[in-house]
Amino acid sequence: MESHVASLLRTYGVADRRALAARAALRAVRPGEISRLPVGRTSFVGRSGERGTVLAAPAESRLVTLLGDGGMGW
């Protein structure tokens, strides 16, 4: 763990763990966004259209069932 923290301190150019935590807290999280996850880099990866449909579904129906292959979560 200490080597990982030391690596993060060097990477982000901060002096201690508190400064590292403060730097991490600066990242703004938009409503509905899962914090600290990387953003998809291509249109091949991602489900923005499907995400909108899924988020709207509970307002339109009493029962919503999502199906998909195991391990295909987002």
N, C-alpha and C. Protein backbone atom coordinates (compact mmCIF):
# COMPACT_ATOMS: atom_id res chain seq x y z
N MET A 1 0.83 -1.18 0.00
CA MET A 1 0.00 0.00 0.00
C MET A 1 0.88 1.25 0.00
N GLU A 2 1.90 1.24 0.80
CA GLU A 2 2.77 2.41 0.88
C GLU A 2 3.42 2.73 -0.46
N SER A 3 3.82 1.70 -1.20
CA SER A 3 4.44 1.96 -2.50
C SER A 3 3.42 2.53 -3.48
N HIS A 4 2.17 2.08 -3.38
CA HIS A 4 1.12 2.61 -4.24
C HIS A 4 0.87 4.09 -3.92
N VAL A 5 0.78 4.41 -2.65
CA VAL A 5 0.58 5.80 -2.24
C VAL A 5 1.76 6.65 -2.69
N ALA A 6 2.97 6.16 -2.50
CA ALA A 6 4.16 6.90 -2.92
C ALA A 6 4.13 7.16 -4.43
N SER A 7 3.67 6.18 -5.19
CA SER A 7 3.57 6.34 -6.63
C SER A 7 2.55 7.42 -6.99
N LEU A 8 1.41 7.42 -6.30
CA LEU A 8 0.40 8.44 -6.54
C LEU A 8 0.91 9.84 -6.17
N LEU A 9 1.65 9.93 -5.07
CA LEU A 9 2.21 11.23 -4.66
C LEU A 9 3.14 11.76 -5.74
N ARG A 10 3.98 10.89 -6.29
CA ARG A 10 4.90 11.31 -7.36
C ARG A 10 4.13 11.68 -8.63
N THR A 11 3.16 10.85 -8.98
CA THR A 11 2.40 11.07 -10.21
C THR A 11 1.69 12.42 -10.20
N TYR A 12 1.07 12.74 -9.07
CA TYR A 12 0.28 13.97 -8.99
C TYR A 12 1.07 15.15 -8.41
N GLY A 13 2.32 14.93 -8.05
CA GLY A 13 3.18 16.02 -7.60
C GLY A 13 2.71 16.69 -6.33
N VAL A 14 2.22 15.89 -5.38
CA VAL A 14 1.77 16.43 -4.10
C VAL A 14 2.66 15.89 -2.99
N ALA A 15 2.65 16.60 -1.84
CA ALA A 15 3.60 16.30 -0.77
C ALA A 15 3.15 15.18 0.18
N ASP A 16 1.85 15.06 0.41
CA ASP A 16 1.40 14.07 1.40
C ASP A 16 0.00 13.56 1.05
N ARG A 17 -0.49 12.64 1.88
CA ARG A 17 -1.79 12.01 1.62
C ARG A 17 -2.94 13.02 1.67
N ARG A 18 -2.85 13.98 2.55
CA ARG A 18 -3.91 14.99 2.64
C ARG A 18 -4.01 15.78 1.34
N ALA A 19 -2.86 16.16 0.80
CA ALA A 19 -2.85 16.90 -0.46
C ALA A 19 -3.39 16.02 -1.59
N LEU A 20 -3.07 14.73 -1.55
CA LEU A 20 -3.57 13.80 -2.55
C LEU A 20 -5.10 13.69 -2.45
N ALA A 21 -5.61 13.58 -1.23
CA ALA A 21 -7.07 13.50 -1.03
C ALA A 21 -7.74 14.79 -1.48
N ALA A 22 -7.13 15.94 -1.21
CA ALA A 22 -7.70 17.21 -1.63
C ALA A 22 -7.75 17.30 -3.15
N ARG A 23 -6.71 16.79 -3.80
CA ARG A 23 -6.68 16.80 -5.27
C ARG A 23 -7.78 15.91 -5.83
N ALA A 24 -8.00 14.76 -5.21
CA ALA A 24 -9.05 13.85 -5.67
C ALA A 24 -10.43 14.47 -5.48
N ALA A 25 -10.61 15.25 -4.42
CA ALA A 25 -11.90 15.87 -4.14
C ALA A 25 -12.23 17.00 -5.11
N LEU A 26 -11.25 17.51 -5.84
CA LEU A 26 -11.48 18.61 -6.77
C LEU A 26 -12.27 18.19 -7.99
N ARG A 27 -12.22 16.91 -8.33
CA ARG A 27 -12.92 16.45 -9.52
C ARG A 27 -14.42 16.54 -9.30
N ALA A 28 -15.09 17.33 -10.12
CA ALA A 28 -16.54 17.50 -10.01
C ALA A 28 -17.24 16.27 -10.56
N VAL A 29 -18.28 15.85 -9.89
CA VAL A 29 -19.08 14.71 -10.32
C VAL A 29 -20.46 15.23 -10.71
N ARG A 30 -20.86 14.97 -11.95
CA ARG A 30 -22.17 15.41 -12.42
C ARG A 30 -23.26 14.52 -11.83
N PRO A 31 -24.48 15.02 -11.69
CA PRO A 31 -25.59 14.20 -11.19
C PRO A 31 -25.77 12.96 -12.04
N GLY A 32 -25.89 11.80 -11.41
CA GLY A 32 -26.07 10.54 -12.11
C GLY A 32 -24.79 9.88 -12.55
N GLU A 33 -23.67 10.56 -12.38
CA GLU A 33 -22.38 10.00 -12.78
C GLU A 33 -21.81 9.17 -11.65
N ILE A 34 -21.19 8.07 -11.99
CA ILE A 34 -20.51 7.26 -10.98
C ILE A 34 -19.12 7.83 -10.81
N SER A 35 -18.81 8.20 -9.60
CA SER A 35 -17.55 8.89 -9.31
C SER A 35 -16.32 8.04 -9.59
N ARG A 36 -15.29 8.65 -10.10
CA ARG A 36 -13.95 8.11 -10.26
C ARG A 36 -13.82 7.00 -11.30
N LEU A 37 -14.80 6.83 -12.16
CA LEU A 37 -14.67 5.84 -13.22
C LEU A 37 -14.23 6.52 -14.50
N PRO A 38 -13.40 5.87 -15.30
CA PRO A 38 -12.95 6.50 -16.54
C PRO A 38 -14.10 6.67 -17.53
N VAL A 39 -14.00 7.66 -18.35
CA VAL A 39 -14.99 7.93 -19.38
C VAL A 39 -14.66 7.08 -20.60
N GLY A 40 -15.67 6.54 -21.27
CA GLY A 40 -15.44 5.76 -22.47
C GLY A 40 -14.72 6.58 -23.52
N ARG A 41 -13.76 6.00 -24.21
CA ARG A 41 -12.94 6.74 -25.17
C ARG A 41 -13.46 6.68 -26.59
N THR A 42 -14.29 5.70 -26.91
CA THR A 42 -14.81 5.59 -28.26
C THR A 42 -16.31 5.35 -28.21
N SER A 43 -16.96 5.49 -29.35
CA SER A 43 -18.39 5.22 -29.40
C SER A 43 -18.67 3.72 -29.35
N PHE A 44 -17.65 2.90 -29.63
CA PHE A 44 -17.82 1.45 -29.58
C PHE A 44 -18.11 1.00 -28.15
N VAL A 45 -17.46 1.63 -27.18
CA VAL A 45 -17.68 1.30 -25.78
C VAL A 45 -18.59 2.35 -25.19
N GLY A 46 -19.64 1.93 -24.53
CA GLY A 46 -20.54 2.88 -23.91
C GLY A 46 -21.98 2.61 -24.29
N ARG A 47 -22.84 3.07 -23.48
CA ARG A 47 -24.25 2.82 -23.68
C ARG A 47 -25.07 4.08 -23.39
N SER A 48 -24.63 5.23 -23.90
CA SER A 48 -25.31 6.48 -23.56
C SER A 48 -26.77 6.47 -24.00
N GLY A 49 -27.06 5.96 -25.19
CA GLY A 49 -28.45 5.90 -25.64
C GLY A 49 -29.28 4.96 -24.80
N GLU A 50 -28.74 3.79 -24.54
CA GLU A 50 -29.44 2.80 -23.72
C GLU A 50 -29.58 3.30 -22.28
N ARG A 51 -28.58 4.01 -21.80
CA ARG A 51 -28.63 4.55 -20.43
C ARG A 51 -29.82 5.48 -20.27
N GLY A 52 -30.05 6.35 -21.23
CA GLY A 52 -31.19 7.27 -21.18
C GLY A 52 -32.51 6.52 -21.16
N THR A 53 -32.60 5.48 -21.98
CA THR A 53 -33.81 4.67 -22.02
C THR A 53 -34.06 3.99 -20.68
N VAL A 54 -33.01 3.42 -20.11
CA VAL A 54 -33.13 2.72 -18.82
C VAL A 54 -33.52 3.69 -17.71
N LEU A 55 -32.91 4.87 -17.69
CA LEU A 55 -33.22 5.84 -16.63
C LEU A 55 -34.64 6.39 -16.75
N ALA A 56 -35.19 6.44 -17.96
CA ALA A 56 -36.55 6.93 -18.16
C ALA A 56 -37.60 5.86 -17.91
N ALA A 57 -37.23 4.59 -18.02
CA ALA A 57 -38.19 3.48 -17.94
C ALA A 57 -39.00 3.45 -16.65
N PRO A 58 -38.42 3.66 -15.45
CA PRO A 58 -39.24 3.58 -14.24
C PRO A 58 -40.35 4.64 -14.18
N ALA A 59 -40.18 5.75 -14.86
CA ALA A 59 -41.23 6.78 -14.88
C ALA A 59 -42.38 6.37 -15.79
N GLU A 60 -42.12 5.46 -16.72
CA GLU A 60 -43.14 5.06 -17.69
C GLU A 60 -43.83 3.74 -17.34
N SER A 61 -43.21 2.91 -16.51
CA SER A 61 -43.76 1.58 -16.21
C SER A 61 -43.58 1.26 -14.73
N ARG A 62 -44.50 0.44 -14.22
CA ARG A 62 -44.40 0.02 -12.83
C ARG A 62 -43.33 -1.02 -12.62
N LEU A 63 -43.09 -1.85 -13.64
CA LEU A 63 -42.11 -2.92 -13.54
C LEU A 63 -41.14 -2.81 -14.71
N VAL A 64 -39.85 -2.76 -14.41
CA VAL A 64 -38.82 -2.66 -15.43
C VAL A 64 -37.86 -3.82 -15.22
N THR A 65 -37.62 -4.60 -16.26
CA THR A 65 -36.70 -5.72 -16.20
C THR A 65 -35.59 -5.50 -17.22
N LEU A 66 -34.36 -5.60 -16.77
CA LEU A 66 -33.21 -5.46 -17.67
C LEU A 66 -32.56 -6.82 -17.82
N LEU A 67 -32.28 -7.21 -19.05
CA LEU A 67 -31.65 -8.49 -19.34
C LEU A 67 -30.37 -8.26 -20.12
N GLY A 68 -29.41 -9.12 -19.90
CA GLY A 68 -28.18 -9.02 -20.67
C GLY A 68 -27.27 -10.20 -20.33
N ASP A 69 -26.23 -10.34 -21.12
CA ASP A 69 -25.25 -11.41 -20.88
C ASP A 69 -24.51 -11.18 -19.58
N GLY A 70 -24.17 -12.25 -18.89
CA GLY A 70 -23.38 -12.14 -17.68
C GLY A 70 -22.03 -11.47 -17.95
N GLY A 71 -21.64 -10.54 -17.09
CA GLY A 71 -20.38 -9.86 -17.27
C GLY A 71 -20.44 -8.69 -18.23
N MET A 72 -21.61 -8.39 -18.75
CA MET A 72 -21.75 -7.30 -19.73
C MET A 72 -22.24 -6.03 -19.08
N GLY A 73 -22.12 -5.92 -17.76
CA GLY A 73 -22.62 -4.75 -17.05
C GLY A 73 -21.92 -3.48 -17.42
N TRP A 74 -22.47 -2.37 -17.01
CA TRP A 74 -21.86 -1.07 -17.25
C TRP A 74 -21.89 -0.33 -16.00
